[in-house]
Amino acid sequence: MNRWKTLTLAPHRLHFFCGMASLLLASGWWAVHLFARYAGTPIWALDLQVAPIWAHGFLMLFVVLPTFMFGFLFTTFPRWMNGPAVPRASYVLTAVALSLATIAWLAGAHGGLALQLLAVALATLGLLTGLVALLRVLVDAQKVVSHAVVASIAVATGTVSVAGFGYGLAEANDFALHFAVRAALWGFLFPVFFAVCHRMIPFFSQNAIPGYVAWRPLWMLVAVAALAYARLLLGTAGAFDWLPIADVALALLTATCAIRWTSLGARGNPLLWTLYAGVAWLPVAMALQAVRDAGFALTGQWLLGRAPIHALGIGFFGSMLVAMVTRVTMGHSGRPLTMNGATLACFLGVQVAAVARVLGELSTAPEAVRDLLLGSMFAWLVAFGAWSALNFGIYLSPRSDDRPG
């Protein structure tokens, strides 16, 4: 069996493989740019045709994280709802379009608007193809689950957001760019990641810990998703005085989830407790965001820099990638449901990256900021580089139990 056929046997194989490749390309390129800011070389890394915040944000929000997400959602939607499998043509096109978007954007960041718009078009094609595939499963399923509805709405939001990002680029419209990025974060990634956690962490725990009682009330899923969208709309409308209320509510609700889902019975089972550790970053991020927004409401000054966003992006999103993708990879490759020491070290490396990046935003000493920023980037690259190396071969090999998929 050739490698391409093996890689495309199941959606999680192709999407996780492409997601890791895109993550390493995007992160490696960004690391060179950050290094060049302090060292002054290589010059080409500083010669960007788009603002760095958009260059970095586009890749992570619209390409890298969605590629992983579709690998998971294409696998779980049919299982959640007893629905039809996602067609091979749909998941291949989604993954290929998003992968090409990564390449086109990296070229466009230095080469100009035409390549940037090509990247946006490819990302839009990928998200739209993925959305249509998910909706087909949803419509044809024997039953409908709330987590799939929340995820579908979020993916639709992401699809509109990336198109809006393209409009912002074409028209040099900063408002459109800001809105697209905020919508991708709070209306797309946040709801999908939370919905997956709400559905899967209690399920995995119940299967692994005797006597564990799954806790995932529908009202919690609806409340957190609704608050995320409310926060997006309040920020867009400039109602900044109301943001701390939404932030505190999200911090309290997600902290409740983190506590209720966690069990001491997971000791000795890193495949499970890493999920608990990952979701614990969510209330931390929201608490930091509450402080930041409250500070602006009271003083007119934004406090904490980008610490809340990096606690969310590196701490929560990054940790959940390693924990959740590792579990799916092991389970769907016929391997034992365990996390080995090397993978656990990669997860801990992501924790180091998250802590260093948050501390870098809180520090005021220029040398400390530099060291923490570059140290965080180094830890991130080493962790995800090693993790990807551990998994690439799995996606290119048949299942160890000779089952299909």
Protein backbone atom coordinates (compact mmCIF):
# COMPACT_ATOMS: atom_id res chain seq x y z
CA MET A 1 0.00 0.00 0.00
CA ASN A 2 1.52 3.34 -1.03
CA ARG A 3 2.02 6.13 1.47
CA TRP A 4 -0.60 8.49 0.02
CA LYS A 5 -3.28 5.80 0.06
CA THR A 6 -2.41 4.95 3.64
CA LEU A 7 -2.37 8.61 4.67
CA THR A 8 -5.84 9.15 3.23
CA LEU A 9 -7.46 6.03 4.65
CA ALA A 10 -9.13 8.09 7.36
CA PRO A 11 -9.64 11.84 7.90
CA HIS A 12 -7.68 12.00 11.16
CA ARG A 13 -4.56 10.60 9.47
CA LEU A 14 -4.38 13.22 6.75
CA HIS A 15 -5.50 16.16 8.86
CA PHE A 16 -3.23 15.47 11.81
CA PHE A 17 -0.29 14.92 9.46
CA CYS A 18 -1.00 18.15 7.56
CA GLY A 19 -1.74 20.01 10.79
CA MET A 20 1.62 19.05 12.24
CA ALA A 21 3.43 20.00 9.04
CA SER A 22 1.67 23.38 8.91
CA LEU A 23 2.30 24.00 12.60
CA LEU A 24 6.02 23.35 12.21
CA LEU A 25 6.29 25.54 9.09
CA ALA A 26 4.32 28.38 10.67
CA SER A 27 6.09 28.17 14.02
CA GLY A 28 9.56 27.84 12.49
CA TRP A 29 8.98 30.86 10.28
CA TRP A 30 7.63 32.91 13.22
CA ALA A 31 10.58 31.86 15.39
CA VAL A 32 13.01 33.18 12.78
CA HIS A 33 11.07 36.45 12.64
CA LEU A 34 11.14 36.84 16.43
CA PHE A 35 14.86 36.08 16.55
CA ALA A 36 15.51 38.63 13.81
CA ARG A 37 13.73 41.33 15.82
CA TYR A 38 16.50 41.13 18.42
CA ALA A 39 19.46 40.04 16.32
CA GLY A 40 18.72 42.13 13.24
CA THR A 41 19.32 39.13 11.02
CA PRO A 42 18.22 37.48 8.79
CA ILE A 43 16.92 40.63 7.15
CA TRP A 44 14.37 38.79 4.99
CA ALA A 45 12.54 37.66 8.13
CA LEU A 46 11.83 41.30 9.01
CA ASP A 47 10.75 42.27 5.51
CA LEU A 48 7.04 41.57 5.88
CA GLN A 49 4.40 42.84 3.46
CA VAL A 50 1.73 42.55 6.15
CA ALA A 51 1.67 43.56 9.83
CA PRO A 52 3.23 40.82 12.01
CA ILE A 53 0.07 40.46 14.10
CA TRP A 54 -1.93 39.54 10.98
CA ALA A 55 0.87 37.39 9.56
CA HIS A 56 1.06 35.25 12.68
CA GLY A 57 -2.65 35.37 13.50
CA PHE A 58 -3.86 34.21 10.09
CA LEU A 59 -1.75 31.06 10.18
CA MET A 60 -2.71 29.96 13.67
CA LEU A 61 -6.39 30.97 13.68
CA PHE A 62 -7.47 30.12 10.16
CA VAL A 63 -5.11 27.35 9.04
CA VAL A 64 -3.09 25.44 11.66
CA LEU A 65 -5.66 24.91 14.41
CA PRO A 66 -8.59 24.32 12.00
CA THR A 67 -6.64 21.58 10.22
CA PHE A 68 -6.36 19.65 13.48
CA MET A 69 -9.97 20.43 14.37
CA PHE A 70 -11.34 18.98 11.16
CA GLY A 71 -9.33 15.80 11.69
CA PHE A 72 -11.12 15.37 15.00
CA LEU A 73 -14.59 16.54 13.93
CA PHE A 74 -14.63 14.46 10.74
CA THR A 75 -13.91 11.44 12.93
CA THR A 76 -16.34 12.17 15.77
CA PHE A 77 -19.38 13.65 14.01
CA PRO A 78 -20.41 10.30 12.49
CA ARG A 79 -19.74 8.54 15.81
CA TRP A 80 -21.58 11.09 17.94
CA MET A 81 -24.72 10.94 15.81
CA ASN A 82 -24.66 7.57 14.03
CA GLY A 83 -24.30 9.51 10.81
CA PRO A 84 -22.62 8.78 7.47
CA ALA A 85 -18.86 8.94 7.18
CA VAL A 86 -17.31 12.05 5.68
CA PRO A 87 -16.47 11.29 2.02
CA ARG A 88 -12.81 10.88 1.17
CA ALA A 89 -12.98 13.64 -1.45
CA SER A 90 -14.24 16.13 1.16
CA TYR A 91 -11.61 15.52 3.79
CA VAL A 92 -8.80 15.35 1.25
CA LEU A 93 -9.83 18.67 -0.32
CA THR A 94 -10.16 20.30 3.10
CA ALA A 95 -6.69 19.21 4.20
CA VAL A 96 -4.99 20.00 0.89
CA ALA A 97 -6.57 23.47 0.65
CA LEU A 98 -5.52 24.38 4.19
CA SER A 99 -2.00 23.05 3.63
CA LEU A 100 -1.61 25.05 0.42
CA ALA A 101 -2.94 28.09 2.31
CA THR A 102 -0.01 27.76 4.71
CA ILE A 103 2.51 27.76 1.88
CA ALA A 104 0.82 30.58 0.01
CA TRP A 105 0.62 32.73 3.14
CA LEU A 106 4.27 32.23 4.05
CA ALA A 107 5.16 33.31 0.52
CA GLY A 108 2.65 36.17 0.59
CA ALA A 109 3.86 37.53 3.91
CA HIS A 110 7.02 38.49 2.03
CA GLY A 111 5.75 38.55 -1.56
CA GLY A 112 2.73 40.81 -1.45
CA LEU A 113 -1.04 41.05 -1.47
CA ALA A 114 -1.79 38.74 -4.40
CA LEU A 115 -0.28 35.72 -2.66
CA GLN A 116 -1.91 36.73 0.61
CA LEU A 117 -5.33 36.79 -1.04
CA LEU A 118 -4.59 33.44 -2.67
CA ALA A 119 -3.87 32.04 0.79
CA VAL A 120 -7.14 33.46 2.12
CA ALA A 121 -9.04 31.97 -0.83
CA LEU A 122 -7.50 28.55 -0.16
CA ALA A 123 -8.27 28.78 3.56
CA THR A 124 -11.85 29.81 2.76
CA LEU A 125 -12.16 26.85 0.39
CA GLY A 126 -10.85 24.52 3.09
CA LEU A 127 -13.16 25.82 5.81
CA LEU A 128 -16.17 25.90 3.50
CA THR A 129 -15.55 22.36 2.28
CA GLY A 130 -15.19 21.17 5.85
CA LEU A 131 -18.33 22.99 6.94
CA VAL A 132 -20.41 21.47 4.14
CA ALA A 133 -19.11 18.00 4.99
CA LEU A 134 -20.02 18.42 8.67
CA LEU A 135 -23.48 19.77 7.84
CA ARG A 136 -24.15 16.78 5.58
CA VAL A 137 -23.37 14.44 8.45
CA LEU A 138 -25.56 16.53 10.75
CA VAL A 139 -28.53 16.51 8.34
CA ASP A 140 -28.32 12.79 7.53
CA ALA A 141 -27.55 11.60 11.08
CA GLN A 142 -29.93 9.33 13.00
CA LYS A 143 -29.78 11.69 15.96
CA VAL A 144 -28.47 15.19 16.60
CA VAL A 145 -26.26 16.07 19.56
CA SER A 146 -25.84 19.57 20.93
CA HIS A 147 -22.04 19.45 20.70
CA ALA A 148 -22.26 18.96 16.94
CA VAL A 149 -24.65 21.90 16.62
CA VAL A 150 -22.32 24.19 18.61
CA ALA A 151 -19.31 23.05 16.59
CA SER A 152 -21.14 23.54 13.28
CA ILE A 153 -22.19 27.08 14.17
CA ALA A 154 -18.61 27.82 15.18
CA VAL A 155 -17.16 26.46 11.94
CA ALA A 156 -19.66 28.57 10.00
CA THR A 157 -18.47 31.59 11.98
CA GLY A 158 -14.88 30.72 11.13
CA THR A 159 -15.70 30.44 7.43
CA VAL A 160 -17.29 33.88 7.38
CA SER A 161 -14.40 35.25 9.44
CA VAL A 162 -11.69 34.14 7.04
CA ALA A 163 -13.61 35.68 4.13
CA GLY A 164 -13.85 38.87 6.16
CA PHE A 165 -10.12 38.74 6.78
CA GLY A 166 -9.58 38.62 3.03
CA TYR A 167 -11.82 41.68 2.62
CA GLY A 168 -9.81 43.49 5.27
CA LEU A 169 -6.58 42.74 3.43
CA ALA A 170 -7.93 43.75 0.04
CA GLU A 171 -9.38 47.02 1.33
CA ALA A 172 -6.65 47.73 3.92
CA ASN A 173 -9.50 47.86 6.45
CA ASP A 174 -8.16 47.49 9.98
CA PHE A 175 -11.64 47.17 11.51
CA ALA A 176 -12.45 44.21 9.28
CA LEU A 177 -9.12 42.57 10.11
CA HIS A 178 -9.58 43.07 13.84
CA PHE A 179 -13.14 41.76 13.73
CA ALA A 180 -12.17 38.72 11.67
CA VAL A 181 -9.43 37.77 14.11
CA ARG A 182 -11.64 38.29 17.17
CA ALA A 183 -14.45 36.32 15.54
CA ALA A 184 -12.09 33.47 14.73
CA LEU A 185 -10.85 33.32 18.32
CA TRP A 186 -14.09 33.79 20.29
CA GLY A 187 -16.68 32.61 17.78
CA PHE A 188 -14.82 29.75 16.10
CA LEU A 189 -11.91 28.18 17.97
CA PHE A 190 -13.12 28.80 21.53
CA PRO A 191 -16.59 27.21 21.08
CA VAL A 192 -15.24 24.22 19.15
CA PHE A 193 -12.50 23.45 21.66
CA PHE A 194 -14.89 23.83 24.59
CA ALA A 195 -17.59 21.70 22.96
CA VAL A 196 -15.06 18.92 22.35
CA CYS A 197 -13.85 19.12 25.96
CA HIS A 198 -17.42 19.14 27.30
CA ARG A 199 -18.24 16.05 25.27
CA MET A 200 -15.05 14.02 25.43
CA ILE A 201 -13.28 14.63 28.77
CA PRO A 202 -16.13 13.17 30.88
CA PHE A 203 -16.51 10.35 28.32
CA PHE A 204 -12.83 9.40 28.39
CA SER A 205 -12.78 9.66 32.19
CA GLN A 206 -15.81 7.43 32.58
CA ASN A 207 -14.20 4.77 30.40
CA ALA A 208 -10.93 4.83 32.33
CA ILE A 209 -11.88 5.40 35.99
CA PRO A 210 -14.17 2.97 37.82
CA GLY A 211 -17.10 4.75 39.43
CA TYR A 212 -16.50 8.04 37.61
CA VAL A 213 -19.79 9.86 36.96
CA ALA A 214 -19.77 11.90 33.75
CA TRP A 215 -20.84 15.52 34.26
CA ARG A 216 -21.66 17.50 31.14
CA PRO A 217 -24.95 19.40 31.56
CA LEU A 218 -26.39 20.95 28.42
CA TRP A 219 -26.87 24.31 30.13
CA MET A 220 -23.12 24.57 30.69
CA LEU A 221 -22.33 24.02 27.02
CA VAL A 222 -24.95 26.57 25.95
CA ALA A 223 -23.92 29.12 28.58
CA VAL A 224 -20.20 29.03 27.74
CA ALA A 225 -20.79 29.19 23.99
CA ALA A 226 -23.31 32.02 24.39
CA LEU A 227 -20.94 34.01 26.62
CA ALA A 228 -18.13 33.59 24.09
CA TYR A 229 -20.33 35.07 21.34
CA ALA A 230 -21.59 37.77 23.70
CA ARG A 231 -18.01 38.69 24.47
CA LEU A 232 -17.24 38.93 20.76
CA LEU A 233 -20.21 41.21 20.12
CA LEU A 234 -19.53 43.42 23.15
CA GLY A 235 -15.92 43.94 22.11
CA THR A 236 -16.90 44.71 18.54
CA ALA A 237 -19.53 47.21 19.68
CA GLY A 238 -16.99 48.94 21.91
CA ALA A 239 -18.94 48.08 25.07
CA PHE A 240 -15.70 47.47 26.97
CA ASP A 241 -17.23 48.16 30.40
CA TRP A 242 -19.32 45.01 30.02
CA LEU A 243 -16.47 42.72 29.00
CA PRO A 244 -15.26 41.99 32.58
CA ILE A 245 -18.71 40.59 33.42
CA ALA A 246 -18.54 38.12 30.55
CA ASP A 247 -14.92 37.29 31.39
CA VAL A 248 -15.66 36.57 35.07
CA ALA A 249 -18.66 34.45 34.13
CA LEU A 250 -16.56 32.44 31.68
CA ALA A 251 -13.78 32.05 34.25
CA LEU A 252 -16.22 30.75 36.88
CA LEU A 253 -18.05 28.40 34.53
CA THR A 254 -14.90 26.93 32.99
CA ALA A 255 -13.29 26.59 36.42
CA THR A 256 -16.35 24.64 37.53
CA CYS A 257 -15.94 22.34 34.55
CA ALA A 258 -12.22 21.87 35.17
CA ILE A 259 -12.89 20.92 38.79
CA ARG A 260 -15.88 18.68 38.12
CA TRP A 261 -14.16 16.82 35.29
CA THR A 262 -10.91 16.19 37.15
CA SER A 263 -10.48 12.97 39.12
CA LEU A 264 -7.59 11.79 41.27
CA GLY A 265 -8.26 8.41 39.74
CA ALA A 266 -6.33 9.61 36.68
CA ARG A 267 -3.03 9.47 38.59
CA GLY A 268 -0.64 7.27 36.68
CA ASN A 269 -2.63 7.76 33.46
CA PRO A 270 -1.02 10.70 31.61
CA LEU A 271 -3.25 10.16 28.58
CA LEU A 272 -6.11 11.28 30.81
CA TRP A 273 -4.62 13.74 33.28
CA THR A 274 -3.02 15.76 30.51
CA LEU A 275 -6.57 16.51 29.38
CA TYR A 276 -7.32 17.83 32.86
CA ALA A 277 -4.14 19.90 32.86
CA GLY A 278 -4.95 21.31 29.45
CA VAL A 279 -8.49 22.36 30.30
CA ALA A 280 -7.22 23.99 33.53
CA TRP A 281 -5.60 26.66 31.34
CA LEU A 282 -9.03 27.84 30.21
CA PRO A 283 -10.20 29.43 33.50
CA VAL A 284 -6.67 30.79 34.00
CA ALA A 285 -6.86 32.51 30.62
CA MET A 286 -10.32 33.90 31.34
CA ALA A 287 -9.26 35.17 34.77
CA LEU A 288 -6.33 36.99 33.16
CA GLN A 289 -8.67 38.38 30.52
CA ALA A 290 -11.01 39.62 33.24
CA VAL A 291 -8.15 41.49 34.91
CA ARG A 292 -7.08 42.98 31.60
CA ASP A 293 -10.57 44.14 30.65
CA ALA A 294 -11.39 45.39 34.13
CA GLY A 295 -8.18 47.39 34.13
CA PHE A 296 -9.18 49.10 30.90
CA ALA A 297 -12.72 49.77 32.17
CA LEU A 298 -11.36 51.38 35.35
CA THR A 299 -8.21 53.14 34.15
CA GLY A 300 -8.31 53.27 30.37
CA GLN A 301 -5.10 51.21 30.27
CA TRP A 302 -4.80 47.67 28.89
CA LEU A 303 -3.11 45.59 31.57
CA LEU A 304 -1.17 42.31 31.24
CA GLY A 305 -0.34 42.79 27.56
CA ARG A 306 -1.20 39.68 25.54
CA ALA A 307 -0.86 37.33 28.52
CA PRO A 308 -4.54 36.25 28.43
CA ILE A 309 -4.46 35.41 24.72
CA HIS A 310 -1.27 33.38 25.05
CA ALA A 311 -2.63 31.54 28.09
CA LEU A 312 -5.58 30.64 25.89
CA GLY A 313 -3.67 29.95 22.68
CA ILE A 314 -0.52 28.24 23.94
CA GLY A 315 -1.79 26.97 27.28
CA PHE A 316 -5.30 25.76 26.42
CA PHE A 317 -5.27 25.21 22.65
CA GLY A 318 -1.68 23.93 22.57
CA SER A 319 -2.11 21.57 25.51
CA MET A 320 -5.39 20.18 24.19
CA LEU A 321 -3.78 19.52 20.80
CA VAL A 322 -1.14 17.27 22.31
CA ALA A 323 -3.51 15.55 24.75
CA MET A 324 -6.51 15.04 22.45
CA VAL A 325 -4.68 14.31 19.20
CA THR A 326 -2.43 11.81 20.96
CA ARG A 327 -5.45 9.96 22.31
CA VAL A 328 -7.18 9.83 18.91
CA THR A 329 -3.94 8.77 17.23
CA MET A 330 -3.36 5.91 19.66
CA GLY A 331 -6.95 4.74 19.63
CA HIS A 332 -7.38 4.85 15.86
CA SER A 333 -4.07 3.23 15.00
CA GLY A 334 -4.72 0.06 16.99
CA ARG A 335 -2.15 0.97 19.62
CA PRO A 336 -2.66 0.80 23.40
CA LEU A 337 -4.41 3.82 24.91
CA THR A 338 -1.34 5.08 26.72
CA MET A 339 0.93 8.13 26.57
CA ASN A 340 4.62 7.24 26.58
CA GLY A 341 7.33 9.21 28.32
CA ALA A 342 8.47 10.99 25.18
CA THR A 343 5.00 12.30 24.40
CA LEU A 344 4.51 13.33 28.02
CA ALA A 345 7.77 15.29 27.80
CA CYS A 346 6.38 17.08 24.72
CA PHE A 347 3.25 17.98 26.66
CA LEU A 348 5.34 19.34 29.53
CA GLY A 349 7.36 21.32 27.01
CA VAL A 350 4.16 23.05 25.89
CA GLN A 351 3.49 23.94 29.53
CA VAL A 352 6.94 25.53 29.75
CA ALA A 353 6.25 27.47 26.56
CA ALA A 354 2.91 28.71 27.89
CA VAL A 355 4.24 29.79 31.28
CA ALA A 356 7.26 31.54 29.74
CA ARG A 357 5.11 33.37 27.19
CA VAL A 358 2.64 34.58 29.83
CA LEU A 359 5.45 35.68 32.14
CA GLY A 360 7.07 37.51 29.25
CA GLU A 361 3.94 39.64 28.91
CA LEU A 362 3.91 40.37 32.63
CA SER A 363 7.58 41.33 32.85
CA THR A 364 8.78 44.91 32.44
CA ALA A 365 12.53 44.28 32.13
CA PRO A 366 13.50 44.28 28.41
CA GLU A 367 16.07 41.51 28.77
CA ALA A 368 13.63 39.32 30.68
CA VAL A 369 10.96 39.93 28.04
CA ARG A 370 13.41 38.93 25.30
CA ASP A 371 14.62 35.80 27.09
CA LEU A 372 11.12 34.65 28.02
CA LEU A 373 9.78 35.28 24.51
CA LEU A 374 12.60 33.43 22.76
CA GLY A 375 12.64 30.71 25.42
CA SER A 376 8.92 30.16 24.95
CA MET A 377 9.34 29.90 21.20
CA PHE A 378 12.22 27.44 21.60
CA ALA A 379 10.24 25.25 24.01
CA TRP A 380 7.24 25.31 21.65
CA LEU A 381 9.32 24.31 18.63
CA VAL A 382 11.15 21.51 20.45
CA ALA A 383 7.94 20.16 21.98
CA PHE A 384 5.90 20.15 18.79
CA GLY A 385 8.85 19.12 16.63
CA ALA A 386 9.47 16.05 18.78
CA TRP A 387 5.75 15.30 19.07
CA SER A 388 5.30 15.49 15.30
CA ALA A 389 8.31 13.23 14.73
CA LEU A 390 6.76 10.66 17.06
CA ASN A 391 3.49 10.65 15.10
CA PHE A 392 4.29 11.21 11.42
CA GLY A 393 5.18 7.56 10.92
CA ILE A 394 1.94 6.38 12.51
CA TYR A 395 -0.19 8.21 9.96
CA LEU A 396 1.86 6.73 7.11
CA SER A 397 1.54 3.15 8.39
CA PRO A 398 -1.41 0.73 8.47
CA ARG A 399 -3.13 0.10 11.80
CA SER A 400 -1.17 -2.24 14.04
CA ASP A 401 -4.27 -4.43 14.56
CA ASP A 402 -4.89 -4.77 10.80
CA ARG A 403 -8.33 -3.19 11.09
CA PRO A 404 -9.42 -0.68 8.40
CA GLY A 405 -8.99 3.04 8.95
